[in-house]
Amino acid sequence: FDDWDNLVRGALIWLEQDDPVDTQDRSGGGDEEREMINDILTHLYTKYCNFGVEPPKPFTVKRLHEEEDVCTRELFASYLRGGKWDRAKVGRLLSRMADRPCNGIVLRKRQDTTLHVREYVVSLVGE
């Protein structure tokens, strides 16, 4: 890695090009963040698309809260500060994850104009 770092990154920086490591971090976050996004998107895709067998079902943070699904709550809590389920923190986390594909799955947010709530849909990239 050190040889690559000196050769490739050094040359790109000298040519005043973007540092590939910085570009990677900006595009998808670090390894821990990508792991978190992958875990959550995979879980939500399984839950709301039945492994891709059914069309994606929209959901809200309120719906996640009301379903009282222990697996979902524990998964989110494991990535939240304090380690406890919190609707507001889950909403901010989902907003931050929206439109960031990870391993072929993406979370899209949309506004339901009749109910005035933010809905999320998880699907495969390109669907």
Protein backbone atom coordinates (compact mmCIF):
# COMPACT_ATOMS: atom_id res chain seq x y z
CA PHE A 1 0.00 0.00 0.00
CA ASP A 2 2.80 2.41 0.81
CA ASP A 3 4.27 1.99 -2.67
CA TRP A 4 0.87 2.61 -4.25
CA ASP A 5 0.31 5.57 -1.97
CA ASN A 6 3.60 7.18 -2.95
CA LEU A 7 3.28 6.40 -6.64
CA VAL A 8 -0.38 6.94 -7.44
CA ARG A 9 -1.73 9.26 -4.78
CA GLY A 10 1.44 11.31 -4.71
CA ALA A 11 1.39 11.78 -8.49
CA LEU A 12 -2.31 12.71 -8.53
CA ILE A 13 -1.86 15.25 -5.75
CA TRP A 14 1.20 16.68 -7.50
CA LEU A 15 -0.92 17.04 -10.67
CA GLU A 16 -3.53 18.85 -8.53
CA GLN A 17 -6.10 16.10 -9.06
CA ASP A 18 -8.50 14.80 -6.41
CA ASP A 19 -6.99 12.43 -3.88
CA PRO A 20 -8.63 9.02 -4.59
CA VAL A 21 -8.92 8.22 -0.88
CA ASP A 22 -10.75 11.51 -0.21
CA THR A 23 -12.98 10.90 -3.23
CA GLN A 24 -13.87 7.43 -1.96
CA ASP A 25 -14.67 8.78 1.51
CA ARG A 26 -16.89 11.52 0.08
CA SER A 27 -18.76 9.16 -2.20
CA GLY A 28 -19.58 6.43 0.24
CA GLY A 29 -18.16 7.18 3.62
CA GLY A 30 -15.61 5.14 5.47
CA ASP A 31 -15.71 1.41 5.95
CA GLU A 32 -17.75 1.61 9.17
CA GLU A 33 -20.34 3.89 7.59
CA ARG A 34 -20.60 1.70 4.48
CA GLU A 35 -21.05 -1.35 6.72
CA MET A 36 -23.84 0.43 8.62
CA ILE A 37 -25.57 1.51 5.40
CA ASN A 38 -25.26 -2.00 3.97
CA ASP A 39 -26.67 -3.62 7.13
CA ILE A 40 -29.64 -1.26 7.32
CA LEU A 41 -30.45 -1.28 3.59
CA THR A 42 -30.23 -5.07 3.42
CA HIS A 43 -32.54 -5.39 6.42
CA LEU A 44 -35.06 -2.89 5.04
CA TYR A 45 -34.98 -4.49 1.58
CA THR A 46 -35.66 -7.89 3.11
CA LYS A 47 -38.44 -6.47 5.28
CA TYR A 48 -40.25 -4.27 2.74
CA CYS A 49 -39.55 -6.11 -0.54
CA ASN A 50 -39.60 -9.71 0.71
CA PHE A 51 -36.17 -10.38 -0.87
CA GLY A 52 -37.32 -8.71 -4.09
CA VAL A 53 -40.35 -10.97 -4.55
CA GLU A 54 -42.80 -8.13 -3.93
CA PRO A 55 -42.75 -4.55 -5.19
CA PRO A 56 -41.18 -2.12 -2.71
CA LYS A 57 -43.56 -0.90 0.00
CA PRO A 58 -43.15 2.69 1.18
CA PHE A 59 -42.62 3.19 4.91
CA THR A 60 -42.25 6.04 7.37
CA VAL A 61 -40.27 6.40 10.57
CA LYS A 62 -43.61 6.38 12.39
CA ARG A 63 -44.46 3.03 10.81
CA LEU A 64 -41.07 1.62 11.84
CA HIS A 65 -41.80 2.81 15.36
CA GLU A 66 -45.36 1.46 15.51
CA GLU A 67 -44.46 -1.98 14.16
CA GLU A 68 -42.35 -2.63 17.26
CA ASP A 69 -40.16 -5.05 15.30
CA VAL A 70 -37.43 -5.99 17.78
CA CYS A 71 -34.89 -6.88 15.06
CA THR A 72 -35.36 -3.53 13.32
CA ARG A 73 -35.15 -1.57 16.56
CA GLU A 74 -32.02 -3.40 17.71
CA LEU A 75 -30.33 -2.92 14.35
CA PHE A 76 -30.97 0.84 14.31
CA ALA A 77 -30.12 1.20 18.00
CA SER A 78 -26.75 -0.46 17.43
CA TYR A 79 -25.82 2.40 15.07
CA LEU A 80 -27.30 5.29 17.07
CA ARG A 81 -25.54 7.31 19.75
CA GLY A 82 -26.62 6.03 23.11
CA GLY A 83 -27.51 2.62 21.66
CA LYS A 84 -31.27 3.13 22.09
CA TRP A 85 -34.13 3.41 19.60
CA ASP A 86 -35.04 7.05 19.01
CA ARG A 87 -37.51 8.07 16.28
CA ALA A 88 -35.86 11.45 15.62
CA LYS A 89 -32.39 9.93 15.33
CA VAL A 90 -33.70 7.17 13.05
CA GLY A 91 -35.29 9.81 10.82
CA ARG A 92 -32.04 11.76 10.57
CA LEU A 93 -30.10 8.58 9.87
CA LEU A 94 -32.49 7.55 7.08
CA SER A 95 -32.33 11.03 5.55
CA ARG A 96 -28.55 10.87 5.57
CA MET A 97 -28.60 7.43 3.92
CA ALA A 98 -31.09 8.38 1.19
CA ASP A 99 -29.87 8.23 -2.41
CA ARG A 100 -26.58 6.57 -1.43
CA PRO A 101 -26.52 3.17 -3.16
CA CYS A 102 -24.71 0.39 -1.38
CA ASN A 103 -24.23 -3.10 -2.81
CA GLY A 104 -27.00 -2.58 -5.36
CA ILE A 105 -29.64 -1.35 -2.89
CA VAL A 106 -30.75 2.25 -2.50
CA LEU A 107 -33.09 4.11 -0.16
CA ARG A 108 -35.20 6.82 -1.79
CA LYS A 109 -37.13 9.42 0.10
CA ARG A 110 -40.28 11.02 -1.16
CA GLN A 111 -42.86 13.39 0.23
CA ASP A 112 -46.43 12.19 0.56
CA THR A 113 -48.33 15.38 -0.23
CA THR A 114 -51.68 14.12 1.06
CA LEU A 115 -50.39 13.11 4.48
CA HIS A 116 -47.50 15.61 4.61
CA VAL A 117 -45.04 12.97 5.77
CA ARG A 118 -41.73 11.79 4.42
CA GLU A 119 -41.85 8.25 3.11
CA TYR A 120 -38.97 6.01 2.22
CA VAL A 121 -38.77 3.26 -0.38
CA VAL A 122 -35.92 0.78 -0.51
CA SER A 123 -35.25 -0.95 -3.82
CA LEU A 124 -32.56 -2.25 -6.10
CA VAL A 125 -30.58 0.37 -7.98
CA GLY A 126 -32.24 1.00 -11.32
CA GLU A 127 -35.76 0.00 -10.26
